[in-house]
PDB file of N, CA and C in Angstrom:
ATOM      1  N   UNK A   1      10.160 100.206  86.642  1.00  0.00           N
ATOM      2  CA  UNK A   1      11.582  99.894  86.692  1.00  0.00           C
ATOM      3  C   UNK A   1      12.353 101.209  86.766  1.00  0.00           C
ATOM      4  N   UNK A   2      13.350 101.217  87.613  1.00  0.00           N
ATOM      5  CA  UNK A   2      14.224 102.384  87.711  1.00  0.00           C
ATOM      6  C   UNK A   2      15.592 102.006  87.186  1.00  0.00           C
ATOM      7  N   UNK A   3      16.403 103.002  86.960  1.00  0.00           N
ATOM      8  CA  UNK A   3      17.750 102.727  86.482  1.00  0.00           C
ATOM      9  C   UNK A   3      18.563 101.949  87.510  1.00  0.00           C
ATOM     10  N   UNK A   4      18.235 102.095  88.790  1.00  0.00           N
ATOM     11  CA  UNK A   4      18.953 101.358  89.824  1.00  0.00           C
ATOM     12  C   UNK A   4      18.745  99.854  89.709  1.00  0.00           C
ATOM     13  N   UNK A   5      17.574  99.421  89.211  1.00  0.00           N
ATOM     14  CA  UNK A   5      17.318  97.990  89.108  1.00  0.00           C
ATOM     15  C   UNK A   5      18.088  97.359  87.954  1.00  0.00           C
ATOM     16  N   UNK A   6      18.501  98.163  87.003  1.00  0.00           N
ATOM     17  CA  UNK A   6      19.265  97.635  85.877  1.00  0.00           C
ATOM     18  C   UNK A   6      20.694  97.342  86.301  1.00  0.00           C
ATOM     19  N   UNK A   7      21.253  98.155  87.142  1.00  0.00           N
ATOM     20  CA  UNK A   7      22.621  97.954  87.598  1.00  0.00           C
ATOM     21  C   UNK A   7      23.638  98.511  86.620  1.00  0.00           C
ATOM     22  N   UNK A   8      24.865  98.197  86.867  1.00  0.00           N
ATOM     23  CA  UNK A   8      25.959  98.726  86.057  1.00  0.00           C
ATOM     24  C   UNK A   8      26.198  97.833  84.841  1.00  0.00           C
ATOM     25  N   UNK A   9      26.197  98.439  83.680  1.00  0.00           N
ATOM     26  CA  UNK A   9      26.465  97.699  82.451  1.00  0.00           C
ATOM     27  C   UNK A   9      27.804  98.109  81.843  1.00  0.00           C
ATOM     28  N   UNK A  10      28.588  98.836  82.636  1.00  0.00           N
ATOM     29  CA  UNK A  10      29.847  99.371  82.126  1.00  0.00           C
ATOM     30  C   UNK A  10      30.798  98.272  81.654  1.00  0.00           C
ATOM     31  N   UNK A  11      30.916  97.179  82.385  1.00  0.00           N
ATOM     32  CA  UNK A  11      31.830  96.098  81.997  1.00  0.00           C
ATOM     33  C   UNK A  11      31.403  95.444  80.696  1.00  0.00           C
ATOM     34  N   UNK A  12      30.109  95.214  80.532  1.00  0.00           N
ATOM     35  CA  UNK A  12      29.612  94.581  79.300  1.00  0.00           C
ATOM     36  C   UNK A  12      29.763  95.513  78.108  1.00  0.00           C
ATOM     37  N   UNK A  13      29.464  96.794  78.302  1.00  0.00           N
ATOM     38  CA  UNK A  13      29.586  97.719  77.176  1.00  0.00           C
ATOM     39  C   UNK A  13      31.034  97.990  76.815  1.00  0.00           C
ATOM     40  N   UNK A  14      31.932  97.800  77.752  1.00  0.00           N
ATOM     41  CA  UNK A  14      33.358  97.929  77.424  1.00  0.00           C
ATOM     42  C   UNK A  14      33.746  96.887  76.372  1.00  0.00           C
ATOM     43  N   UNK A  15      33.152  95.719  76.454  1.00  0.00           N
ATOM     44  CA  UNK A  15      33.454  94.635  75.519  1.00  0.00           C
ATOM     45  C   UNK A  15      32.541  94.688  74.297  1.00  0.00           C
ATOM     46  N   UNK A  16      31.254  94.862  74.499  1.00  0.00           N
ATOM     47  CA  UNK A  16      30.277  94.753  73.417  1.00  0.00           C
ATOM     48  C   UNK A  16      29.880  96.092  72.795  1.00  0.00           C
ATOM     49  N   UNK A  17      30.421  97.181  73.284  1.00  0.00           N
ATOM     50  CA  UNK A  17      29.920  98.494  72.915  1.00  0.00           C
ATOM     51  C   UNK A  17      30.468  99.126  71.653  1.00  0.00           C
ATOM     52  N   UNK A  18      31.075  98.387  70.771  1.00  0.00           N
ATOM     53  CA  UNK A  18      31.509  98.985  69.510  1.00  0.00           C
ATOM     54  C   UNK A  18      30.769  98.330  68.347  1.00  0.00           C
ATOM     55  N   UNK A  19      30.998  98.844  67.181  1.00  0.00           N
ATOM     56  CA  UNK A  19      30.274  98.393  65.989  1.00  0.00           C
ATOM     57  C   UNK A  19      30.564  96.936  65.631  1.00  0.00           C
ATOM     58  N   UNK A  20      31.801  96.506  65.788  1.00  0.00           N
ATOM     59  CA  UNK A  20      32.213  95.218  65.227  1.00  0.00           C
ATOM     60  C   UNK A  20      32.169  94.038  66.192  1.00  0.00           C
ATOM     61  N   UNK A  21      32.416  94.258  67.460  1.00  0.00           N
ATOM     62  CA  UNK A  21      32.604  93.141  68.388  1.00  0.00           C
ATOM     63  C   UNK A  21      31.408  92.186  68.452  1.00  0.00           C
ATOM     64  N   UNK A  22      30.163  92.653  68.595  1.00  0.00           N
ATOM     65  CA  UNK A  22      29.050  91.687  68.605  1.00  0.00           C
ATOM     66  C   UNK A  22      28.969  90.876  67.313  1.00  0.00           C
ATOM     67  N   UNK A  23      29.274  91.511  66.193  1.00  0.00           N
ATOM     68  CA  UNK A  23      29.257  90.787  64.925  1.00  0.00           C
ATOM     69  C   UNK A  23      30.343  89.722  64.885  1.00  0.00           C
ATOM     70  N   UNK A  24      31.506  90.042  65.428  1.00  0.00           N
ATOM     71  CA  UNK A  24      32.600  89.063  65.464  1.00  0.00           C
ATOM     72  C   UNK A  24      32.254  87.895  66.377  1.00  0.00           C
ATOM     73  N   UNK A  25      31.714  88.203  67.534  1.00  0.00           N
ATOM     74  CA  UNK A  25      31.441  87.155  68.519  1.00  0.00           C
ATOM     75  C   UNK A  25      30.414  86.146  68.028  1.00  0.00           C
ATOM     76  N   UNK A  26      29.494  86.549  67.186  1.00  0.00           N
ATOM     77  CA  UNK A  26      28.501  85.586  66.705  1.00  0.00           C
ATOM     78  C   UNK A  26      29.150  84.469  65.901  1.00  0.00           C
ATOM     79  N   UNK A  27      30.249  84.765  65.213  1.00  0.00           N
ATOM     80  CA  UNK A  27      30.949  83.717  64.464  1.00  0.00           C
ATOM     81  C   UNK A  27      31.655  82.747  65.401  1.00  0.00           C
ATOM     82  N   UNK A  28      32.181  83.276  66.500  1.00  0.00           N
ATOM     83  CA  UNK A  28      32.829  82.400  67.477  1.00  0.00           C
ATOM     84  C   UNK A  28      31.817  81.491  68.156  1.00  0.00           C
ATOM     85  N   UNK A  29      30.630  82.002  68.395  1.00  0.00           N
ATOM     86  CA  UNK A  29      29.600  81.201  69.045  1.00  0.00           C
ATOM     87  C   UNK A  29      29.108  80.097  68.126  1.00  0.00           C
ATOM     88  N   UNK A  30      29.080  80.374  66.825  1.00  0.00           N
ATOM     89  CA  UNK A  30      28.583  79.390  65.859  1.00  0.00           C
ATOM     90  C   UNK A  30      29.643  78.407  65.378  1.00  0.00           C
ATOM     91  N   UNK A  31      30.900  78.669  65.637  1.00  0.00           N
ATOM     92  CA  UNK A  31      31.992  77.817  65.166  1.00  0.00           C
ATOM     93  C   UNK A  31      32.890  77.417  66.336  1.00  0.00           C
ATOM     94  N   UNK A  32      33.509  76.263  66.223  1.00  0.00           N
ATOM     95  CA  UNK A  32      34.454  75.800  67.243  1.00  0.00           C
ATOM     96  C   UNK A  32      35.684  76.713  67.301  1.00  0.00           C
ATOM     97  N   UNK A  33      36.228  76.990  66.139  1.00  0.00           N
ATOM     98  CA  UNK A  33      37.369  77.901  66.038  1.00  0.00           C
ATOM     99  C   UNK A  33      37.298  78.606  64.690  1.00  0.00           C
ATOM    100  N   UNK A  34      37.913  79.783  64.626  1.00  0.00           N
ATOM    101  CA  UNK A  34      37.840  80.597  63.420  1.00  0.00           C
ATOM    102  C   UNK A  34      39.210  81.207  63.151  1.00  0.00           C
ATOM    103  N   UNK A  35      39.598  81.224  61.894  1.00  0.00           N
ATOM    104  CA  UNK A  35      40.855  81.865  61.483  1.00  0.00           C
ATOM    105  C   UNK A  35      40.594  83.307  61.079  1.00  0.00           C
ATOM    106  N   UNK A  36      41.639  84.106  61.128  1.00  0.00           N
ATOM    107  CA  UNK A  36      41.556  85.523  60.796  1.00  0.00           C
ATOM    108  C   UNK A  36      40.906  85.731  59.429  1.00  0.00           C
ATOM    109  N   UNK A  37      41.386  85.016  58.416  1.00  0.00           N
ATOM    110  CA  UNK A  37      40.871  85.210  57.052  1.00  0.00           C
ATOM    111  C   UNK A  37      39.401  84.801  56.946  1.00  0.00           C
ATOM    112  N   UNK A  38      38.973  83.802  57.712  1.00  0.00           N
ATOM    113  CA  UNK A  38      37.563  83.412  57.718  1.00  0.00           C
ATOM    114  C   UNK A  38      36.697  84.531  58.288  1.00  0.00           C
ATOM    115  N   UNK A  39      37.164  85.109  59.387  1.00  0.00           N
ATOM    116  CA  UNK A  39      36.413  86.194  60.013  1.00  0.00           C
ATOM    117  C   UNK A  39      36.306  87.368  59.044  1.00  0.00           C
ATOM    118  N   UNK A  40      37.416  87.691  58.413  1.00  0.00           N
ATOM    119  CA  UNK A  40      37.440  88.807  57.484  1.00  0.00           C
ATOM    120  C   UNK A  40      36.446  88.581  56.336  1.00  0.00           C
ATOM    121  N   UNK A  41      36.346  87.346  55.854  1.00  0.00           N
ATOM    122  CA  UNK A  41      35.391  87.027  54.790  1.00  0.00           C
ATOM    123  C   UNK A  41      33.940  87.099  55.288  1.00  0.00           C
ATOM    124  N   UNK A  42      33.705  86.686  56.536  1.00  0.00           N
ATOM    125  CA  UNK A  42      32.354  86.634  57.073  1.00  0.00           C
ATOM    126  C   UNK A  42      31.806  88.005  57.460  1.00  0.00           C
ATOM    127  N   UNK A  43      32.686  88.876  57.947  1.00  0.00           N
ATOM    128  CA  UNK A  43      32.259  90.208  58.388  1.00  0.00           C
ATOM    129  C   UNK A  43      32.544  91.191  57.264  1.00  0.00           C
ATOM    130  N   UNK A  44      31.519  91.545  56.557  1.00  0.00           N
ATOM    131  CA  UNK A  44      31.685  92.435  55.416  1.00  0.00           C
ATOM    132  C   UNK A  44      32.057  93.839  55.858  1.00  0.00           C
ATOM    133  N   UNK A  45      33.069  94.386  55.207  1.00  0.00           N
ATOM    134  CA  UNK A  45      33.412  95.787  55.409  1.00  0.00           C
ATOM    135  C   UNK A  45      34.389  96.085  56.523  1.00  0.00           C
ATOM    136  N   UNK A  46      34.886  95.073  57.225  1.00  0.00           N
ATOM    137  CA  UNK A  46      35.822  95.355  58.302  1.00  0.00           C
ATOM    138  C   UNK A  46      37.240  95.469  57.735  1.00  0.00           C
ATOM    139  N   UNK A  47      37.921  96.493  58.153  1.00  0.00           N
ATOM    140  CA  UNK A  47      39.304  96.716  57.773  1.00  0.00           C
ATOM    141  C   UNK A  47      40.184  95.708  58.513  1.00  0.00           C
ATOM    142  N   UNK A  48      41.185  95.111  57.855  1.00  0.00           N
ATOM    143  CA  UNK A  48      42.040  94.133  58.542  1.00  0.00           C
ATOM    144  C   UNK A  48      42.703  94.691  59.809  1.00  0.00           C
ATOM    145  N   UNK A  49      43.055  95.954  59.787  1.00  0.00           N
ATOM    146  CA  UNK A  49      43.676  96.565  60.976  1.00  0.00           C
ATOM    147  C   UNK A  49      42.663  96.648  62.126  1.00  0.00           C
ATOM    148  N   UNK A  50      41.424  96.985  61.793  1.00  0.00           N
ATOM    149  CA  UNK A  50      40.361  97.040  62.799  1.00  0.00           C
ATOM    150  C   UNK A  50      40.084  95.647  63.349  1.00  0.00           C
ATOM    151  N   UNK A  51      40.015  94.671  62.462  1.00  0.00           N
ATOM    152  CA  UNK A  51      39.782  93.291  62.889  1.00  0.00           C
ATOM    153  C   UNK A  51      40.884  92.832  63.833  1.00  0.00           C
ATOM    154  N   UNK A  52      42.115  93.100  63.476  1.00  0.00           N
ATOM    155  CA  UNK A  52      43.247  92.722  64.314  1.00  0.00           C
ATOM    156  C   UNK A  52      43.160  93.382  65.687  1.00  0.00           C
ATOM    157  N   UNK A  53      42.806  94.659  65.711  1.00  0.00           N
ATOM    158  CA  UNK A  53      42.687  95.380  66.983  1.00  0.00           C
ATOM    159  C   UNK A  53      41.567  94.804  67.838  1.00  0.00           C
ATOM    160  N   UNK A  54      40.437  94.471  67.220  1.00  0.00           N
ATOM    161  CA  UNK A  54      39.308  93.899  67.978  1.00  0.00           C
ATOM    162  C   UNK A  54      39.667  92.522  68.532  1.00  0.00           C
ATOM    163  N   UNK A  55      40.334  91.706  67.730  1.00  0.00           N
ATOM    164  CA  UNK A  55      40.746  90.381  68.209  1.00  0.00           C
ATOM    165  C   UNK A  55      41.739  90.503  69.354  1.00  0.00           C
ATOM    166  N   UNK A  56      42.679  91.428  69.244  1.00  0.00           N
ATOM    167  CA  UNK A  56      43.638  91.652  70.334  1.00  0.00           C
ATOM    168  C   UNK A  56      42.926  92.080  71.612  1.00  0.00           C
ATOM    169  N   UNK A  57      41.959  92.985  71.471  1.00  0.00           N
ATOM    170  CA  UNK A  57      41.215  93.458  72.643  1.00  0.00           C
ATOM    171  C   UNK A  57      40.419  92.322  73.286  1.00  0.00           C
ATOM    172  N   UNK A  58      39.780  91.495  72.460  1.00  0.00           N
ATOM    173  CA  UNK A  58      39.016  90.367  72.995  1.00  0.00           C
ATOM    174  C   UNK A  58      39.919  89.351  73.675  1.00  0.00           C
ATOM    175  N   UNK A  59      41.106  89.176  73.132  1.00  0.00           N
ATOM    176  CA  UNK A  59      42.063  88.263  73.761  1.00  0.00           C
ATOM    177  C   UNK A  59      42.533  88.818  75.106  1.00  0.00           C
ATOM    178  N   UNK A  60      42.830  90.106  75.159  1.00  0.00           N
ATOM    179  CA  UNK A  60      43.264  90.732  76.417  1.00  0.00           C
ATOM    180  C   UNK A  60      42.177  90.679  77.484  1.00  0.00           C
ATOM    181  N   UNK A  61      40.920  90.754  77.054  1.00  0.00           N
ATOM    182  CA  UNK A  61      39.792  90.681  77.990  1.00  0.00           C
ATOM    183  C   UNK A  61      39.493  89.250  78.431  1.00  0.00           C
ATOM    184  N   UNK A  62      40.137  88.277  77.797  1.00  0.00           N
ATOM    185  CA  UNK A  62      39.891  86.880  78.147  1.00  0.00           C
ATOM    186  C   UNK A  62      38.641  86.310  77.517  1.00  0.00           C
ATOM    187  N   UNK A  63      38.145  86.946  76.448  1.00  0.00           N
ATOM    188  CA  UNK A  63      36.934  86.501  75.767  1.00  0.00           C
ATOM    189  C   UNK A  63      37.267  85.422  74.731  1.00  0.00           C
ATOM    190  N   UNK A  64      38.393  85.580  74.063  1.00  0.00           N
ATOM    191  CA  UNK A  64      38.861  84.589  73.092  1.00  0.00           C
ATOM    192  C   UNK A  64      40.295  84.213  73.428  1.00  0.00           C
ATOM    193  N   UNK A  65      40.728  83.092  72.892  1.00  0.00           N
ATOM    194  CA  UNK A  65      42.134  82.698  73.018  1.00  0.00           C
ATOM    195  C   UNK A  65      42.657  82.346  71.633  1.00  0.00           C
ATOM    196  N   UNK A  66      43.925  82.596  71.460  1.00  0.00           N
ATOM    197  CA  UNK A  66      44.586  82.294  70.196  1.00  0.00           C
ATOM    198  C   UNK A  66      45.255  80.936  70.347  1.00  0.00           C
ATOM    199  N   UNK A  67      44.983  80.047  69.402  1.00  0.00           N
ATOM    200  CA  UNK A  67      45.581  78.713  69.447  1.00  0.00           C
ATOM    201  C   UNK A  67      46.263  78.425  68.111  1.00  0.00           C
ATOM    202  N   UNK A  68      47.266  77.585  68.167  1.00  0.00           N
ATOM    203  CA  UNK A  68      48.012  77.181  66.979  1.00  0.00           C
ATOM    204  C   UNK A  68      47.860  75.672  66.829  1.00  0.00           C
ATOM    205  N   UNK A  69      46.847  75.227  66.077  1.00  0.00           N
ATOM    206  CA  UNK A  69      46.543  73.798  66.026  1.00  0.00           C
ATOM    207  C   UNK A  69      47.667  72.927  65.471  1.00  0.00           C
ATOM    208  N   UNK A  70      47.850  72.880  64.171  1.00  0.00           N
ATOM    209  CA  UNK A  70      48.816  71.951  63.576  1.00  0.00           C
ATOM    210  C   UNK A  70      50.150  72.600  63.244  1.00  0.00           C
ATOM    211  N   UNK A  71      50.088  73.754  62.644  1.00  0.00           N
ATOM    212  CA  UNK A  71      51.331  74.443  62.310  1.00  0.00           C
ATOM    213  C   UNK A  71      51.312  75.829  62.941  1.00  0.00           C
ATOM    214  N   UNK A  72      52.446  76.279  63.347  1.00  0.00           N
ATOM    215  CA  UNK A  72      52.526  77.558  64.051  1.00  0.00           C
ATOM    216  C   UNK A  72      52.329  78.752  63.127  1.00  0.00           C
ATOM    217  N   UNK A  73      52.257  78.519  61.831  1.00  0.00           N
ATOM    218  CA  UNK A  73      52.105  79.631  60.907  1.00  0.00           C
ATOM    219  C   UNK A  73      50.679  80.184  60.902  1.00  0.00           C
ATOM    220  N   UNK A  74      49.709  79.348  61.175  1.00  0.00           N
ATOM    221  CA  UNK A  74      48.316  79.784  61.130  1.00  0.00           C
ATOM    222  C   UNK A  74      47.660  79.607  62.498  1.00  0.00           C
ATOM    223  N   UNK A  75      47.197  80.694  63.035  1.00  0.00           N
ATOM    224  CA  UNK A  75      46.522  80.598  64.325  1.00  0.00           C
ATOM    225  C   UNK A  75      45.019  80.584  64.120  1.00  0.00           C
ATOM    226  N   UNK A  76      44.332  80.104  65.118  1.00  0.00           N
ATOM    227  CA  UNK A  76      42.882  80.119  65.157  1.00  0.00           C
ATOM    228  C   UNK A  76      42.478  80.768  66.471  1.00  0.00           C
ATOM    229  N   UNK A  77      41.271  81.273  66.487  1.00  0.00           N
ATOM    230  CA  UNK A  77      40.732  81.896  67.686  1.00  0.00           C
ATOM    231  C   UNK A  77      39.533  81.088  68.162  1.00  0.00           C
ATOM    232  N   UNK A  78      39.454  80.924  69.490  1.00  0.00           N
ATOM    233  CA  UNK A  78      38.353  80.184  70.102  1.00  0.00           C
ATOM    234  C   UNK A  78      37.803  80.989  71.267  1.00  0.00           C
ATOM    235  N   UNK A  79      36.527  80.793  71.543  1.00  0.00           N
ATOM    236  CA  UNK A  79      35.938  81.418  72.720  1.00  0.00           C
ATOM    237  C   UNK A  79      36.442  80.744  73.983  1.00  0.00           C
ATOM    238  N   UNK A  80      36.677  81.526  75.000  1.00  0.00           N
ATOM    239  CA  UNK A  80      36.973  81.001  76.324  1.00  0.00           C
ATOM    240  C   UNK A  80      35.642  80.783  77.046  1.00  0.00           C
ATOM    241  N   UNK A  81      35.688  80.272  78.245  1.00  0.00           N
ATOM    242  CA  UNK A  81      34.462  80.124  79.033  1.00  0.00           C
ATOM    243  C   UNK A  81      33.828  81.490  79.276  1.00  0.00           C
ATOM    244  N   UNK A  82      34.647  82.486  79.537  1.00  0.00           N
ATOM    245  CA  UNK A  82      34.150  83.849  79.728  1.00  0.00           C
ATOM    246  C   UNK A  82      33.446  84.328  78.459  1.00  0.00           C
ATOM    247  N   UNK A  83      34.009  84.017  77.309  1.00  0.00           N
ATOM    248  CA  UNK A  83      33.392  84.398  76.042  1.00  0.00           C
ATOM    249  C   UNK A  83      32.094  83.658  75.793  1.00  0.00           C
ATOM    250  N   UNK A  84      32.059  82.372  76.125  1.00  0.00           N
ATOM    251  CA  UNK A  84      30.843  81.577  75.938  1.00  0.00           C
ATOM    252  C   UNK A  84      29.697  82.106  76.797  1.00  0.00           C
ATOM    253  N   UNK A  85      30.038  82.715  77.928  1.00  0.00           N
ATOM    254  CA  UNK A  85      29.013  83.279  78.814  1.00  0.00           C
ATOM    255  C   UNK A  85      28.314  84.484  78.186  1.00  0.00           C
ATOM    256  N   UNK A  86      28.870  85.042  77.115  1.00  0.00           N
ATOM    257  CA  UNK A  86      28.230  86.152  76.409  1.00  0.00           C
ATOM    258  C   UNK A  86      27.131  85.683  75.448  1.00  0.00           C
ATOM    259  N   UNK A  87      27.036  84.395  75.178  1.00  0.00           N
ATOM    260  CA  UNK A  87      26.065  83.868  74.217  1.00  0.00           C
ATOM    261  C   UNK A  87      24.628  84.294  74.534  1.00  0.00           C
ATOM    262  N   UNK A  88      24.157  84.210  75.778  1.00  0.00           N
ATOM    263  CA  UNK A  88      22.778  84.638  76.044  1.00  0.00           C
ATOM    264  C   UNK A  88      22.547  86.125  75.751  1.00  0.00           C
ATOM    265  N   UNK A  89      23.548  86.947  76.013  1.00  0.00           N
ATOM    266  CA  UNK A  89      23.425  88.382  75.732  1.00  0.00           C
ATOM    267  C   UNK A  89      23.298  88.607  74.232  1.00  0.00           C
ATOM    268  N   UNK A  90      24.141  87.934  73.459  1.00  0.00           N
ATOM    269  CA  UNK A  90      24.079  88.067  72.006  1.00  0.00           C
ATOM    270  C   UNK A  90      22.768  87.529  71.453  1.00  0.00           C
ATOM    271  N   UNK A  91      22.287  86.447  72.044  1.00  0.00           N
ATOM    272  CA  UNK A  91      20.997  85.897  71.615  1.00  0.00           C
ATOM    273  C   UNK A  91      19.880  86.913  71.870  1.00  0.00           C
ATOM    274  N   UNK A  92      19.892  87.542  73.041  1.00  0.00           N
ATOM    275  CA  UNK A  92      18.882  88.550  73.353  1.00  0.00           C
ATOM    276  C   UNK A  92      18.985  89.740  72.401  1.00  0.00           C
ATOM    277  N   UNK A  93      20.193  90.120  72.017  1.00  0.00           N
ATOM    278  CA  UNK A  93      20.371  91.198  71.044  1.00  0.00           C
ATOM    279  C   UNK A  93      19.776  90.799  69.697  1.00  0.00           C
ATOM    280  N   UNK A  94      19.949  89.543  69.313  1.00  0.00           N
ATOM    281  CA  UNK A  94      19.394  89.043  68.063  1.00  0.00           C
ATOM    282  C   UNK A  94      17.868  89.077  68.091  1.00  0.00           C
ATOM    283  N   UNK A  95      17.277  88.614  69.185  1.00  0.00           N
ATOM    284  CA  UNK A  95      15.823  88.605  69.328  1.00  0.00           C
ATOM    285  C   UNK A  95      15.281  90.030  69.260  1.00  0.00           C
ATOM    286  N   UNK A  96      15.921  90.940  69.957  1.00  0.00           N
ATOM    287  CA  UNK A  96      15.497  92.333  69.940  1.00  0.00           C
ATOM    288  C   UNK A  96      15.585  92.899  68.524  1.00  0.00           C
ATOM    289  N   UNK A  97      16.695  92.611  67.848  1.00  0.00           N
ATOM    290  CA  UNK A  97      16.893  93.112  66.479  1.00  0.00           C
ATOM    291  C   UNK A  97      15.821  92.594  65.534  1.00  0.00           C
ATOM    292  N   UNK A  98      15.505  91.307  65.649  1.00  0.00           N
ATOM    293  CA  UNK A  98      14.479  90.729  64.783  1.00  0.00           C
ATOM    294  C   UNK A  98      13.112  91.359  65.037  1.00  0.00           C
ATOM    295  N   UNK A  99      12.871  91.721  66.279  1.00  0.00           N
ATOM    296  CA  UNK A  99      11.570  92.279  66.619  1.00  0.00           C
ATOM    297  C   UNK A  99      11.459  93.763  66.266  1.00  0.00           C
ATOM    298  N   UNK A 100      12.516  94.546  66.503  1.00  0.00           N
ATOM    299  CA  UNK A 100      12.385  95.987  66.418  1.00  0.00           C
ATOM    300  C   UNK A 100      13.202  96.678  65.330  1.00  0.00           C
ATOM    301  N   UNK A 101      14.213  96.042  64.824  1.00  0.00           N
ATOM    302  CA  UNK A 101      15.051  96.698  63.812  1.00  0.00           C
ATOM    303  C   UNK A 101      14.372  96.660  62.449  1.00  0.00           C
ATOM    304  N   UNK A 102      14.579  97.687  61.656  1.00  0.00           N
ATOM    305  CA  UNK A 102      14.024  97.668  60.297  1.00  0.00           C
ATOM    306  C   UNK A 102      14.551  96.460  59.510  1.00  0.00           C
ATOM    307  N   UNK A 103      13.759  95.977  58.591  1.00  0.00           N
ATOM    308  CA  UNK A 103      14.111  94.784  57.818  1.00  0.00           C
ATOM    309  C   UNK A 103      15.374  94.945  57.003  1.00  0.00           C
ATOM    310  N   UNK A 104      15.721  96.135  56.600  1.00  0.00           N
ATOM    311  CA  UNK A 104      16.887  96.345  55.739  1.00  0.00           C
ATOM    312  C   UNK A 104      18.208  96.414  56.500  1.00  0.00           C
ATOM    313  N   UNK A 105      18.169  96.385  57.817  1.00  0.00           N
ATOM    314  CA  UNK A 105      19.416  96.467  58.588  1.00  0.00           C
ATOM    315  C   UNK A 105      20.122  95.149  58.607  1.00  0.00           C
TER     316      UNK A 105
END
């Protein structure tokens, strides 16, 4: 295999290439919709400002959408079709991690 056969991964790494985004996306894949406070509770150690910035970036990329179900005071975030298409990539990352990452990670 050569690097040419892999192709360009720049677009995917623009979205998935930071510490928090893959961790955030796994919650969206496992849930229909998620609120900010739920995400903050599920992702240990994320600063609220960082979480807000990551959610804004994912929304701008069209990966998630912000919805206001019953009352406009509380929004929820849902995966878009574009975001759902990332599920196989995240699954492959999980499989790789289980196989090769140290147990304590």
